[in-house]
């Protein structure tokens, strides 16, 4: 039986991009230099520029964007590191290694020095945010057009807690949203506000992931890299493997989704949203979007939020 392809998500933060790749059919492991208590998949705390990349089929990376973002004051952009080029060198070297990953994807904001990137627009995917993002890959990918045709303005999911708590009623002329409104606009329901401001909507990487699945090598199911059942540890610290957390997975549902996206006409549906476990949600013919795929996931999300609130209060 063919195994699901494995994807390593570098600079994963709280897992918005990871959720989209998981929904597209990948087994995902996240890497970030900081602890990510809200990350919903197996996680390694490590430096993305030194962590071991072996044993994975696809490497995704979202290096910090502050140096290139228009939200960063121009006089402060050089205070932030440029990790795009060193990340690109690592990804290309990994793809060029015999037996290494067959694809890489690197994401960043408009203005970042990506090579021949495609653009994805939240308006086109019928999300509540516009949030243009660029994606570079060694494979030919297709982006979205920009359909800025809705009447309501996009939800401004950026800024600090103060901007949404009433100390600043508007952000660049737009009403400052609350966390729940931002989660609904992004198609994410498991992150607190600071993570939402940095996140990629899962619908973006689901769009990318469906295309990646079509490019997987014919011998993919027979490839069994050494140690593929164990999450690799960063170089020089085998004990870091102990930081891997086992998030619950819905392999049966995700496997069926992976099978469906390999059909010739499969494309991500507009407005696709995801449960915190990575499973795609679909709006019923009548009624509102569900926030969870099951009662169990609803309970898990409630426990996670409660634990986070108690930790913050402490």
C-alpha atoms as a PDB file:
ATOM      1  CA  UNK A   1       0.000   0.000   0.000  1.00  0.00           C
ATOM      2  CA  UNK A   2       1.349   3.397  -0.921  1.00  0.00           C
ATOM      3  CA  UNK A   3       2.281   5.612   1.991  1.00  0.00           C
ATOM      4  CA  UNK A   4       1.289   9.234   2.313  1.00  0.00           C
ATOM      5  CA  UNK A   5       4.068  11.624   1.260  1.00  0.00           C
ATOM      6  CA  UNK A   6       5.874  13.329   4.132  1.00  0.00           C
ATOM      7  CA  UNK A   7       6.293  17.111   4.304  1.00  0.00           C
ATOM      8  CA  UNK A   8       8.580  19.075   6.618  1.00  0.00           C
ATOM      9  CA  UNK A   9       7.299  22.598   7.343  1.00  0.00           C
ATOM     10  CA  UNK A  10      10.179  24.905   8.309  1.00  0.00           C
ATOM     11  CA  UNK A  11       9.385  28.094  10.251  1.00  0.00           C
ATOM     12  CA  UNK A  12       5.993  26.511  10.925  1.00  0.00           C
ATOM     13  CA  UNK A  13       4.780  28.852  13.714  1.00  0.00           C
ATOM     14  CA  UNK A  14       1.280  27.764  14.807  1.00  0.00           C
ATOM     15  CA  UNK A  15       0.570  25.626  11.746  1.00  0.00           C
ATOM     16  CA  UNK A  16      -1.683  27.514   9.332  1.00  0.00           C
ATOM     17  CA  UNK A  17       0.348  26.356   6.327  1.00  0.00           C
ATOM     18  CA  UNK A  18       0.783  22.869   7.795  1.00  0.00           C
ATOM     19  CA  UNK A  19      -2.985  22.397   8.097  1.00  0.00           C
ATOM     20  CA  UNK A  20      -3.451  23.077   4.393  1.00  0.00           C
ATOM     21  CA  UNK A  21      -0.722  20.652   3.353  1.00  0.00           C
ATOM     22  CA  UNK A  22      -2.141  18.000   5.695  1.00  0.00           C
ATOM     23  CA  UNK A  23      -5.606  18.419   4.191  1.00  0.00           C
ATOM     24  CA  UNK A  24      -4.092  17.983   0.721  1.00  0.00           C
ATOM     25  CA  UNK A  25      -2.788  14.531   1.709  1.00  0.00           C
ATOM     26  CA  UNK A  26       0.615  14.988   3.371  1.00  0.00           C
ATOM     27  CA  UNK A  27       1.901  13.727   6.697  1.00  0.00           C
ATOM     28  CA  UNK A  28       3.302  16.933   8.179  1.00  0.00           C
ATOM     29  CA  UNK A  29       6.039  17.630  10.733  1.00  0.00           C
ATOM     30  CA  UNK A  30       6.707  21.202  11.837  1.00  0.00           C
ATOM     31  CA  UNK A  31       9.979  22.901  12.754  1.00  0.00           C
ATOM     32  CA  UNK A  32      10.374  26.207  14.550  1.00  0.00           C
ATOM     33  CA  UNK A  33      13.099  27.710  16.689  1.00  0.00           C
ATOM     34  CA  UNK A  34      10.554  28.750  19.322  1.00  0.00           C
ATOM     35  CA  UNK A  35       8.061  26.567  21.204  1.00  0.00           C
ATOM     36  CA  UNK A  36       4.709  26.377  19.413  1.00  0.00           C
ATOM     37  CA  UNK A  37       2.112  25.127  21.911  1.00  0.00           C
ATOM     38  CA  UNK A  38      -0.741  25.642  19.440  1.00  0.00           C
ATOM     39  CA  UNK A  39       0.856  23.645  16.609  1.00  0.00           C
ATOM     40  CA  UNK A  40      -1.548  20.760  15.779  1.00  0.00           C
ATOM     41  CA  UNK A  41       0.921  18.231  14.289  1.00  0.00           C
ATOM     42  CA  UNK A  42       4.195  16.549  15.321  1.00  0.00           C
ATOM     43  CA  UNK A  43       6.715  19.278  16.121  1.00  0.00           C
ATOM     44  CA  UNK A  44      10.490  19.708  16.429  1.00  0.00           C
ATOM     45  CA  UNK A  45      11.918  22.749  18.174  1.00  0.00           C
ATOM     46  CA  UNK A  46      15.073  23.467  16.191  1.00  0.00           C
ATOM     47  CA  UNK A  47      16.805  25.908  13.856  1.00  0.00           C
ATOM     48  CA  UNK A  48      15.298  25.589  10.369  1.00  0.00           C
ATOM     49  CA  UNK A  49      18.704  26.278   8.819  1.00  0.00           C
ATOM     50  CA  UNK A  50      20.376  23.300  10.526  1.00  0.00           C
ATOM     51  CA  UNK A  51      17.638  20.717  11.162  1.00  0.00           C
ATOM     52  CA  UNK A  52      18.001  17.375   9.357  1.00  0.00           C
ATOM     53  CA  UNK A  53      15.953  17.324   6.135  1.00  0.00           C
ATOM     54  CA  UNK A  54      16.356  13.633   5.301  1.00  0.00           C
ATOM     55  CA  UNK A  55      13.392  11.294   5.168  1.00  0.00           C
ATOM     56  CA  UNK A  56      10.930  13.817   3.717  1.00  0.00           C
ATOM     57  CA  UNK A  57       9.370  14.048   0.264  1.00  0.00           C
ATOM     58  CA  UNK A  58       8.628  17.781   0.266  1.00  0.00           C
ATOM     59  CA  UNK A  59      10.183  20.642   2.237  1.00  0.00           C
ATOM     60  CA  UNK A  60       8.088  23.781   2.780  1.00  0.00           C
ATOM     61  CA  UNK A  61       9.491  26.935   4.337  1.00  0.00           C
ATOM     62  CA  UNK A  62       8.151  30.331   5.398  1.00  0.00           C
ATOM     63  CA  UNK A  63      11.203  32.350   6.490  1.00  0.00           C
ATOM     64  CA  UNK A  64      10.485  35.538   8.478  1.00  0.00           C
ATOM     65  CA  UNK A  65       8.908  38.241   6.335  1.00  0.00           C
ATOM     66  CA  UNK A  66       9.416  41.371   8.460  1.00  0.00           C
ATOM     67  CA  UNK A  67      12.381  42.549   6.382  1.00  0.00           C
ATOM     68  CA  UNK A  68      10.182  42.747   3.257  1.00  0.00           C
ATOM     69  CA  UNK A  69       6.729  43.485   4.685  1.00  0.00           C
ATOM     70  CA  UNK A  70       5.114  46.872   4.081  1.00  0.00           C
ATOM     71  CA  UNK A  71       3.804  46.618   7.658  1.00  0.00           C
ATOM     72  CA  UNK A  72       7.393  47.049   8.908  1.00  0.00           C
ATOM     73  CA  UNK A  73       8.531  50.700   8.982  1.00  0.00           C
ATOM     74  CA  UNK A  74      11.076  51.266   6.221  1.00  0.00           C
ATOM     75  CA  UNK A  75      13.740  52.537   8.640  1.00  0.00           C
ATOM     76  CA  UNK A  76      13.456  49.337  10.714  1.00  0.00           C
ATOM     77  CA  UNK A  77      13.434  46.673   8.002  1.00  0.00           C
ATOM     78  CA  UNK A  78      17.196  46.163   8.164  1.00  0.00           C
ATOM     79  CA  UNK A  79      16.809  45.284  11.839  1.00  0.00           C
ATOM     80  CA  UNK A  80      15.331  41.959  10.686  1.00  0.00           C
ATOM     81  CA  UNK A  81      17.398  39.157   9.098  1.00  0.00           C
ATOM     82  CA  UNK A  82      17.133  38.172   5.434  1.00  0.00           C
ATOM     83  CA  UNK A  83      16.724  34.390   5.609  1.00  0.00           C
ATOM     84  CA  UNK A  84      15.284  33.917   2.121  1.00  0.00           C
ATOM     85  CA  UNK A  85      18.565  33.236   0.323  1.00  0.00           C
ATOM     86  CA  UNK A  86      20.083  30.871   2.924  1.00  0.00           C
ATOM     87  CA  UNK A  87      16.777  29.019   3.071  1.00  0.00           C
ATOM     88  CA  UNK A  88      16.678  28.738  -0.717  1.00  0.00           C
ATOM     89  CA  UNK A  89      20.212  27.342  -0.775  1.00  0.00           C
ATOM     90  CA  UNK A  90      19.255  24.645   1.761  1.00  0.00           C
ATOM     91  CA  UNK A  91      16.091  23.698  -0.107  1.00  0.00           C
ATOM     92  CA  UNK A  92      17.764  23.479  -3.506  1.00  0.00           C
ATOM     93  CA  UNK A  93      20.666  21.477  -2.099  1.00  0.00           C
ATOM     94  CA  UNK A  94      18.215  19.048  -0.480  1.00  0.00           C
ATOM     95  CA  UNK A  95      16.213  18.574  -3.689  1.00  0.00           C
ATOM     96  CA  UNK A  96      19.427  17.996  -5.625  1.00  0.00           C
ATOM     97  CA  UNK A  97      20.570  15.219  -3.275  1.00  0.00           C
ATOM     98  CA  UNK A  98      19.974  11.631  -4.512  1.00  0.00           C
ATOM     99  CA  UNK A  99      17.117  10.162  -2.521  1.00  0.00           C
ATOM    100  CA  UNK A 100      16.227  13.590  -1.137  1.00  0.00           C
ATOM    101  CA  UNK A 101      12.904  15.431  -1.369  1.00  0.00           C
ATOM    102  CA  UNK A 102      11.362  15.780  -4.786  1.00  0.00           C
ATOM    103  CA  UNK A 103       9.966  19.258  -4.204  1.00  0.00           C
ATOM    104  CA  UNK A 104      10.339  22.399  -2.159  1.00  0.00           C
ATOM    105  CA  UNK A 105       8.026  25.365  -1.643  1.00  0.00           C
ATOM    106  CA  UNK A 106       9.066  28.676  -0.092  1.00  0.00           C
ATOM    107  CA  UNK A 107       6.521  31.316   0.937  1.00  0.00           C
ATOM    108  CA  UNK A 108       6.843  35.005   1.678  1.00  0.00           C
ATOM    109  CA  UNK A 109       5.167  38.400   1.287  1.00  0.00           C
ATOM    110  CA  UNK A 110       5.023  40.548  -1.867  1.00  0.00           C
ATOM    111  CA  UNK A 111       8.336  42.344  -2.200  1.00  0.00           C
ATOM    112  CA  UNK A 112      10.411  39.408  -0.969  1.00  0.00           C
ATOM    113  CA  UNK A 113      13.152  38.265  -3.396  1.00  0.00           C
ATOM    114  CA  UNK A 114      11.559  34.976  -4.456  1.00  0.00           C
ATOM    115  CA  UNK A 115      12.419  33.514  -7.867  1.00  0.00           C
ATOM    116  CA  UNK A 116       9.547  33.294 -10.387  1.00  0.00           C
ATOM    117  CA  UNK A 117       6.908  33.108  -7.647  1.00  0.00           C
ATOM    118  CA  UNK A 118       3.185  32.580  -8.017  1.00  0.00           C
ATOM    119  CA  UNK A 119       0.695  34.692  -6.063  1.00  0.00           C
ATOM    120  CA  UNK A 120      -2.294  33.485  -4.055  1.00  0.00           C
ATOM    121  CA  UNK A 121      -5.073  35.878  -3.054  1.00  0.00           C
ATOM    122  CA  UNK A 122      -7.522  35.259  -0.227  1.00  0.00           C
ATOM    123  CA  UNK A 123     -10.282  37.123  -2.059  1.00  0.00           C
ATOM    124  CA  UNK A 124     -10.029  34.628  -4.907  1.00  0.00           C
ATOM    125  CA  UNK A 125     -10.426  31.743  -2.458  1.00  0.00           C
ATOM    126  CA  UNK A 126     -13.416  33.582  -0.954  1.00  0.00           C
ATOM    127  CA  UNK A 127     -11.843  33.985   2.455  1.00  0.00           C
ATOM    128  CA  UNK A 128     -12.408  37.015   4.655  1.00  0.00           C
ATOM    129  CA  UNK A 129      -8.830  38.223   4.156  1.00  0.00           C
ATOM    130  CA  UNK A 130      -7.007  39.372   1.035  1.00  0.00           C
ATOM    131  CA  UNK A 131      -3.469  38.678   2.302  1.00  0.00           C
ATOM    132  CA  UNK A 132      -1.463  38.174  -0.917  1.00  0.00           C
ATOM    133  CA  UNK A 133       1.364  35.681  -0.548  1.00  0.00           C
ATOM    134  CA  UNK A 134       4.144  34.561  -2.912  1.00  0.00           C
ATOM    135  CA  UNK A 135       5.262  30.947  -3.382  1.00  0.00           C
ATOM    136  CA  UNK A 136       8.491  29.774  -5.035  1.00  0.00           C
ATOM    137  CA  UNK A 137       9.078  26.148  -6.003  1.00  0.00           C
ATOM    138  CA  UNK A 138      11.274  23.920  -8.125  1.00  0.00           C
ATOM    139  CA  UNK A 139       8.041  22.629  -9.721  1.00  0.00           C
ATOM    140  CA  UNK A 140       5.642  24.494 -12.025  1.00  0.00           C
ATOM    141  CA  UNK A 141       2.777  25.721  -9.849  1.00  0.00           C
ATOM    142  CA  UNK A 142      -0.284  27.824 -10.657  1.00  0.00           C
ATOM    143  CA  UNK A 143      -1.440  30.716  -8.488  1.00  0.00           C
ATOM    144  CA  UNK A 144      -4.800  32.451  -8.339  1.00  0.00           C
ATOM    145  CA  UNK A 145      -6.084  35.540 -10.095  1.00  0.00           C
ATOM    146  CA  UNK A 146      -7.023  38.512  -7.913  1.00  0.00           C
ATOM    147  CA  UNK A 147     -10.789  38.907  -7.667  1.00  0.00           C
ATOM    148  CA  UNK A 148     -11.260  41.922  -5.405  1.00  0.00           C
ATOM    149  CA  UNK A 149     -14.962  42.076  -6.168  1.00  0.00           C
ATOM    150  CA  UNK A 150     -16.757  41.707  -2.850  1.00  0.00           C
ATOM    151  CA  UNK A 151     -18.573  44.569  -1.190  1.00  0.00           C
ATOM    152  CA  UNK A 152     -17.237  44.045   2.340  1.00  0.00           C
ATOM    153  CA  UNK A 153     -13.629  45.148   2.959  1.00  0.00           C
ATOM    154  CA  UNK A 154     -11.096  42.440   3.863  1.00  0.00           C
ATOM    155  CA  UNK A 155     -10.650  41.780   7.574  1.00  0.00           C
ATOM    156  CA  UNK A 156      -7.391  43.418   8.782  1.00  0.00           C
ATOM    157  CA  UNK A 157      -5.733  40.554  10.652  1.00  0.00           C
ATOM    158  CA  UNK A 158      -2.591  42.291  11.867  1.00  0.00           C
ATOM    159  CA  UNK A 159      -1.473  44.510  14.718  1.00  0.00           C
ATOM    160  CA  UNK A 160      -1.399  43.981  18.459  1.00  0.00           C
ATOM    161  CA  UNK A 161      -3.891  42.959  21.123  1.00  0.00           C
ATOM    162  CA  UNK A 162      -4.328  46.666  21.927  1.00  0.00           C
ATOM    163  CA  UNK A 163      -5.674  47.431  18.487  1.00  0.00           C
ATOM    164  CA  UNK A 164      -8.489  44.946  18.845  1.00  0.00           C
ATOM    165  CA  UNK A 165      -9.208  45.545  22.536  1.00  0.00           C
ATOM    166  CA  UNK A 166     -10.546  49.050  22.087  1.00  0.00           C
ATOM    167  CA  UNK A 167      -7.437  51.143  22.717  1.00  0.00           C
ATOM    168  CA  UNK A 168      -7.299  51.647  18.967  1.00  0.00           C
ATOM    169  CA  UNK A 169     -10.707  51.414  17.321  1.00  0.00           C
ATOM    170  CA  UNK A 170      -9.469  51.281  13.736  1.00  0.00           C
ATOM    171  CA  UNK A 171      -6.463  49.930  11.881  1.00  0.00           C
ATOM    172  CA  UNK A 172      -5.627  52.012   8.796  1.00  0.00           C
ATOM    173  CA  UNK A 173      -9.241  53.146   8.617  1.00  0.00           C
ATOM    174  CA  UNK A 174     -10.762  49.668   9.008  1.00  0.00           C
ATOM    175  CA  UNK A 175     -12.585  48.441  12.127  1.00  0.00           C
ATOM    176  CA  UNK A 176     -10.206  46.459  14.313  1.00  0.00           C
ATOM    177  CA  UNK A 177     -11.439  42.841  14.418  1.00  0.00           C
ATOM    178  CA  UNK A 178     -11.726  40.539  17.395  1.00  0.00           C
ATOM    179  CA  UNK A 179     -10.061  37.165  17.538  1.00  0.00           C
ATOM    180  CA  UNK A 180     -13.206  35.246  16.530  1.00  0.00           C
ATOM    181  CA  UNK A 181     -13.779  37.454  13.465  1.00  0.00           C
ATOM    182  CA  UNK A 182     -10.134  37.025  12.468  1.00  0.00           C
ATOM    183  CA  UNK A 183     -10.321  33.245  12.878  1.00  0.00           C
ATOM    184  CA  UNK A 184     -13.409  33.064  10.690  1.00  0.00           C
ATOM    185  CA  UNK A 185     -11.817  35.274   8.024  1.00  0.00           C
ATOM    186  CA  UNK A 186      -8.652  33.150   7.939  1.00  0.00           C
ATOM    187  CA  UNK A 187     -10.352  29.746   8.090  1.00  0.00           C
ATOM    188  CA  UNK A 188      -8.438  29.010  11.329  1.00  0.00           C
ATOM    189  CA  UNK A 189     -10.016  28.402  14.718  1.00  0.00           C
ATOM    190  CA  UNK A 190      -7.186  27.186  16.970  1.00  0.00           C
ATOM    191  CA  UNK A 191      -4.799  30.149  17.118  1.00  0.00           C
ATOM    192  CA  UNK A 192      -4.683  33.153  19.448  1.00  0.00           C
ATOM    193  CA  UNK A 193      -4.411  36.621  17.957  1.00  0.00           C
ATOM    194  CA  UNK A 194      -0.574  36.946  17.795  1.00  0.00           C
ATOM    195  CA  UNK A 195      -0.318  33.716  15.762  1.00  0.00           C
ATOM    196  CA  UNK A 196      -3.182  34.734  13.475  1.00  0.00           C
ATOM    197  CA  UNK A 197      -1.380  37.925  12.456  1.00  0.00           C
ATOM    198  CA  UNK A 198       1.550  35.840  11.166  1.00  0.00           C
ATOM    199  CA  UNK A 199      -0.347  32.856   9.788  1.00  0.00           C
ATOM    200  CA  UNK A 200      -0.981  31.618   6.268  1.00  0.00           C
ATOM    201  CA  UNK A 201      -4.618  30.576   5.686  1.00  0.00           C
ATOM    202  CA  UNK A 202      -4.745  26.778   5.228  1.00  0.00           C
ATOM    203  CA  UNK A 203      -6.695  27.245   1.987  1.00  0.00           C
ATOM    204  CA  UNK A 204      -3.522  28.707   0.407  1.00  0.00           C
ATOM    205  CA  UNK A 205      -1.359  25.666   1.044  1.00  0.00           C
ATOM    206  CA  UNK A 206      -4.186  23.289   0.261  1.00  0.00           C
ATOM    207  CA  UNK A 207      -4.224  24.932  -3.177  1.00  0.00           C
ATOM    208  CA  UNK A 208      -0.457  24.358  -3.401  1.00  0.00           C
ATOM    209  CA  UNK A 209      -0.571  20.876  -1.891  1.00  0.00           C
ATOM    210  CA  UNK A 210      -3.093  19.564  -4.413  1.00  0.00           C
ATOM    211  CA  UNK A 211      -0.704  20.570  -7.199  1.00  0.00           C
ATOM    212  CA  UNK A 212       2.282  19.014  -5.430  1.00  0.00           C
ATOM    213  CA  UNK A 213       0.421  15.705  -5.163  1.00  0.00           C
ATOM    214  CA  UNK A 214       0.122  15.602  -8.945  1.00  0.00           C
ATOM    215  CA  UNK A 215       3.899  15.945  -9.305  1.00  0.00           C
ATOM    216  CA  UNK A 216       4.912  13.131  -6.959  1.00  0.00           C
ATOM    217  CA  UNK A 217       7.243  10.579  -8.596  1.00  0.00           C
ATOM    218  CA  UNK A 218       5.821   7.347  -9.940  1.00  0.00           C
ATOM    219  CA  UNK A 219       7.961   5.347  -7.482  1.00  0.00           C
ATOM    220  CA  UNK A 220       6.844   7.397  -4.481  1.00  0.00           C
ATOM    221  CA  UNK A 221       4.961   4.537  -2.802  1.00  0.00           C
ATOM    222  CA  UNK A 222       8.040   2.318  -2.962  1.00  0.00           C
ATOM    223  CA  UNK A 223      10.416   4.872  -1.476  1.00  0.00           C
ATOM    224  CA  UNK A 224      11.215   4.026   2.129  1.00  0.00           C
ATOM    225  CA  UNK A 225      13.926   6.376   3.390  1.00  0.00           C
ATOM    226  CA  UNK A 226      15.890   5.197   6.427  1.00  0.00           C
ATOM    227  CA  UNK A 227      14.195   6.055   9.689  1.00  0.00           C
ATOM    228  CA  UNK A 228      11.034   7.198   7.969  1.00  0.00           C
ATOM    229  CA  UNK A 229       8.906   6.067  10.921  1.00  0.00           C
ATOM    230  CA  UNK A 230      10.892   8.175  13.342  1.00  0.00           C
ATOM    231  CA  UNK A 231      10.934  11.958  13.325  1.00  0.00           C
ATOM    232  CA  UNK A 232      14.480  13.146  12.641  1.00  0.00           C
ATOM    233  CA  UNK A 233      16.292  15.157  15.293  1.00  0.00           C
ATOM    234  CA  UNK A 234      18.224  18.359  14.564  1.00  0.00           C
ATOM    235  CA  UNK A 235      21.929  17.965  13.820  1.00  0.00           C
ATOM    236  CA  UNK A 236      24.065  17.469  16.874  1.00  0.00           C
ATOM    237  CA  UNK A 237      21.205  16.842  19.336  1.00  0.00           C
ATOM    238  CA  UNK A 238      19.495  13.497  19.101  1.00  0.00           C
ATOM    239  CA  UNK A 239      17.607  14.204  22.322  1.00  0.00           C
ATOM    240  CA  UNK A 240      15.601  16.891  20.565  1.00  0.00           C
ATOM    241  CA  UNK A 241      13.504  14.108  19.098  1.00  0.00           C
ATOM    242  CA  UNK A 242      11.863  13.991  22.531  1.00  0.00           C
ATOM    243  CA  UNK A 243      10.248  17.337  21.749  1.00  0.00           C
ATOM    244  CA  UNK A 244       8.092  15.756  19.042  1.00  0.00           C
ATOM    245  CA  UNK A 245       4.452  15.899  20.083  1.00  0.00           C
ATOM    246  CA  UNK A 246       1.897  13.400  18.822  1.00  0.00           C
ATOM    247  CA  UNK A 247      -1.154  15.325  17.660  1.00  0.00           C
ATOM    248  CA  UNK A 248      -4.210  13.260  16.788  1.00  0.00           C
ATOM    249  CA  UNK A 249      -4.613  12.565  13.080  1.00  0.00           C
ATOM    250  CA  UNK A 250      -7.506  11.533  10.951  1.00  0.00           C
ATOM    251  CA  UNK A 251      -5.614   9.371   8.497  1.00  0.00           C
ATOM    252  CA  UNK A 252      -8.692   7.669   7.090  1.00  0.00           C
ATOM    253  CA  UNK A 253     -10.347  10.930   6.090  1.00  0.00           C
ATOM    254  CA  UNK A 254      -7.076  12.488   4.916  1.00  0.00           C
ATOM    255  CA  UNK A 255      -6.223   9.400   2.856  1.00  0.00           C
ATOM    256  CA  UNK A 256      -9.564   9.616   1.097  1.00  0.00           C
ATOM    257  CA  UNK A 257      -8.899  13.281   0.430  1.00  0.00           C
ATOM    258  CA  UNK A 258      -5.435  12.452  -0.909  1.00  0.00           C
ATOM    259  CA  UNK A 259      -7.008   9.951  -3.302  1.00  0.00           C
ATOM    260  CA  UNK A 260      -9.547  12.500  -4.460  1.00  0.00           C
ATOM    261  CA  UNK A 261      -6.995  15.205  -5.266  1.00  0.00           C
ATOM    262  CA  UNK A 262      -5.101  12.956  -7.686  1.00  0.00           C
ATOM    263  CA  UNK A 263      -7.974  13.032 -10.169  1.00  0.00           C
ATOM    264  CA  UNK A 264      -7.360  15.051 -13.294  1.00  0.00           C
ATOM    265  CA  UNK A 265      -9.936  17.748 -12.554  1.00  0.00           C
ATOM    266  CA  UNK A 266      -9.402  18.117  -8.816  1.00  0.00           C
ATOM    267  CA  UNK A 267      -8.946  21.694  -7.603  1.00  0.00           C
ATOM    268  CA  UNK A 268      -9.320  23.163  -4.145  1.00  0.00           C
ATOM    269  CA  UNK A 269     -12.877  24.492  -3.709  1.00  0.00           C
ATOM    270  CA  UNK A 270     -13.236  28.215  -3.166  1.00  0.00           C
ATOM    271  CA  UNK A 271     -13.733  29.163   0.445  1.00  0.00           C
ATOM    272  CA  UNK A 272     -12.311  25.904   1.820  1.00  0.00           C
ATOM    273  CA  UNK A 273     -11.809  26.005   5.572  1.00  0.00           C
ATOM    274  CA  UNK A 274     -10.240  23.579   7.992  1.00  0.00           C
ATOM    275  CA  UNK A 275     -10.721  22.128  11.437  1.00  0.00           C
ATOM    276  CA  UNK A 276      -7.807  22.540  13.867  1.00  0.00           C
ATOM    277  CA  UNK A 277      -6.929  18.894  13.174  1.00  0.00           C
ATOM    278  CA  UNK A 278      -6.383  19.689   9.476  1.00  0.00           C
ATOM    279  CA  UNK A 279      -9.551  18.100   8.097  1.00  0.00           C
ATOM    280  CA  UNK A 280     -11.350  20.319   5.549  1.00  0.00           C
ATOM    281  CA  UNK A 281     -14.732  21.722   6.522  1.00  0.00           C
ATOM    282  CA  UNK A 282     -17.589  22.286   4.097  1.00  0.00           C
ATOM    283  CA  UNK A 283     -20.489  24.632   4.524  1.00  0.00           C
ATOM    284  CA  UNK A 284     -23.927  22.951   4.409  1.00  0.00           C
ATOM    285  CA  UNK A 285     -26.408  24.008   1.767  1.00  0.00           C
ATOM    286  CA  UNK A 286     -28.170  26.092   4.404  1.00  0.00           C
ATOM    287  CA  UNK A 287     -26.625  27.447   7.557  1.00  0.00           C
ATOM    288  CA  UNK A 288     -23.275  28.750   8.734  1.00  0.00           C
ATOM    289  CA  UNK A 289     -19.796  27.331   8.378  1.00  0.00           C
ATOM    290  CA  UNK A 290     -19.041  24.688  11.047  1.00  0.00           C
ATOM    291  CA  UNK A 291     -16.042  25.429  13.243  1.00  0.00           C
ATOM    292  CA  UNK A 292     -15.105  21.806  13.910  1.00  0.00           C
ATOM    293  CA  UNK A 293     -15.275  18.539  12.018  1.00  0.00           C
ATOM    294  CA  UNK A 294     -16.623  16.579  14.996  1.00  0.00           C
ATOM    295  CA  UNK A 295     -17.714  16.851  18.597  1.00  0.00           C
ATOM    296  CA  UNK A 296     -14.372  15.362  19.678  1.00  0.00           C
ATOM    297  CA  UNK A 297     -12.453  18.100  17.876  1.00  0.00           C
ATOM    298  CA  UNK A 298     -14.727  20.741  19.386  1.00  0.00           C
ATOM    299  CA  UNK A 299     -13.919  19.419  22.851  1.00  0.00           C
ATOM    300  CA  UNK A 300     -10.187  19.249  22.083  1.00  0.00           C
ATOM    301  CA  UNK A 301     -10.189  22.856  20.871  1.00  0.00           C
ATOM    302  CA  UNK A 302     -12.036  23.966  23.999  1.00  0.00           C
ATOM    303  CA  UNK A 303      -9.516  22.213  26.242  1.00  0.00           C
ATOM    304  CA  UNK A 304      -6.626  23.787  24.351  1.00  0.00           C
ATOM    305  CA  UNK A 305      -8.089  27.296  24.619  1.00  0.00           C
ATOM    306  CA  UNK A 306      -8.854  26.830  28.302  1.00  0.00           C
ATOM    307  CA  UNK A 307      -5.322  25.618  29.042  1.00  0.00           C
ATOM    308  CA  UNK A 308      -3.839  28.548  27.104  1.00  0.00           C
ATOM    309  CA  UNK A 309      -6.023  31.068  28.946  1.00  0.00           C
ATOM    310  CA  UNK A 310      -5.104  29.578  32.300  1.00  0.00           C
ATOM    311  CA  UNK A 311      -1.440  29.700  31.383  1.00  0.00           C
ATOM    312  CA  UNK A 312      -1.671  33.351  30.310  1.00  0.00           C
ATOM    313  CA  UNK A 313      -3.538  34.245  33.484  1.00  0.00           C
ATOM    314  CA  UNK A 314      -0.863  32.545  35.563  1.00  0.00           C
END
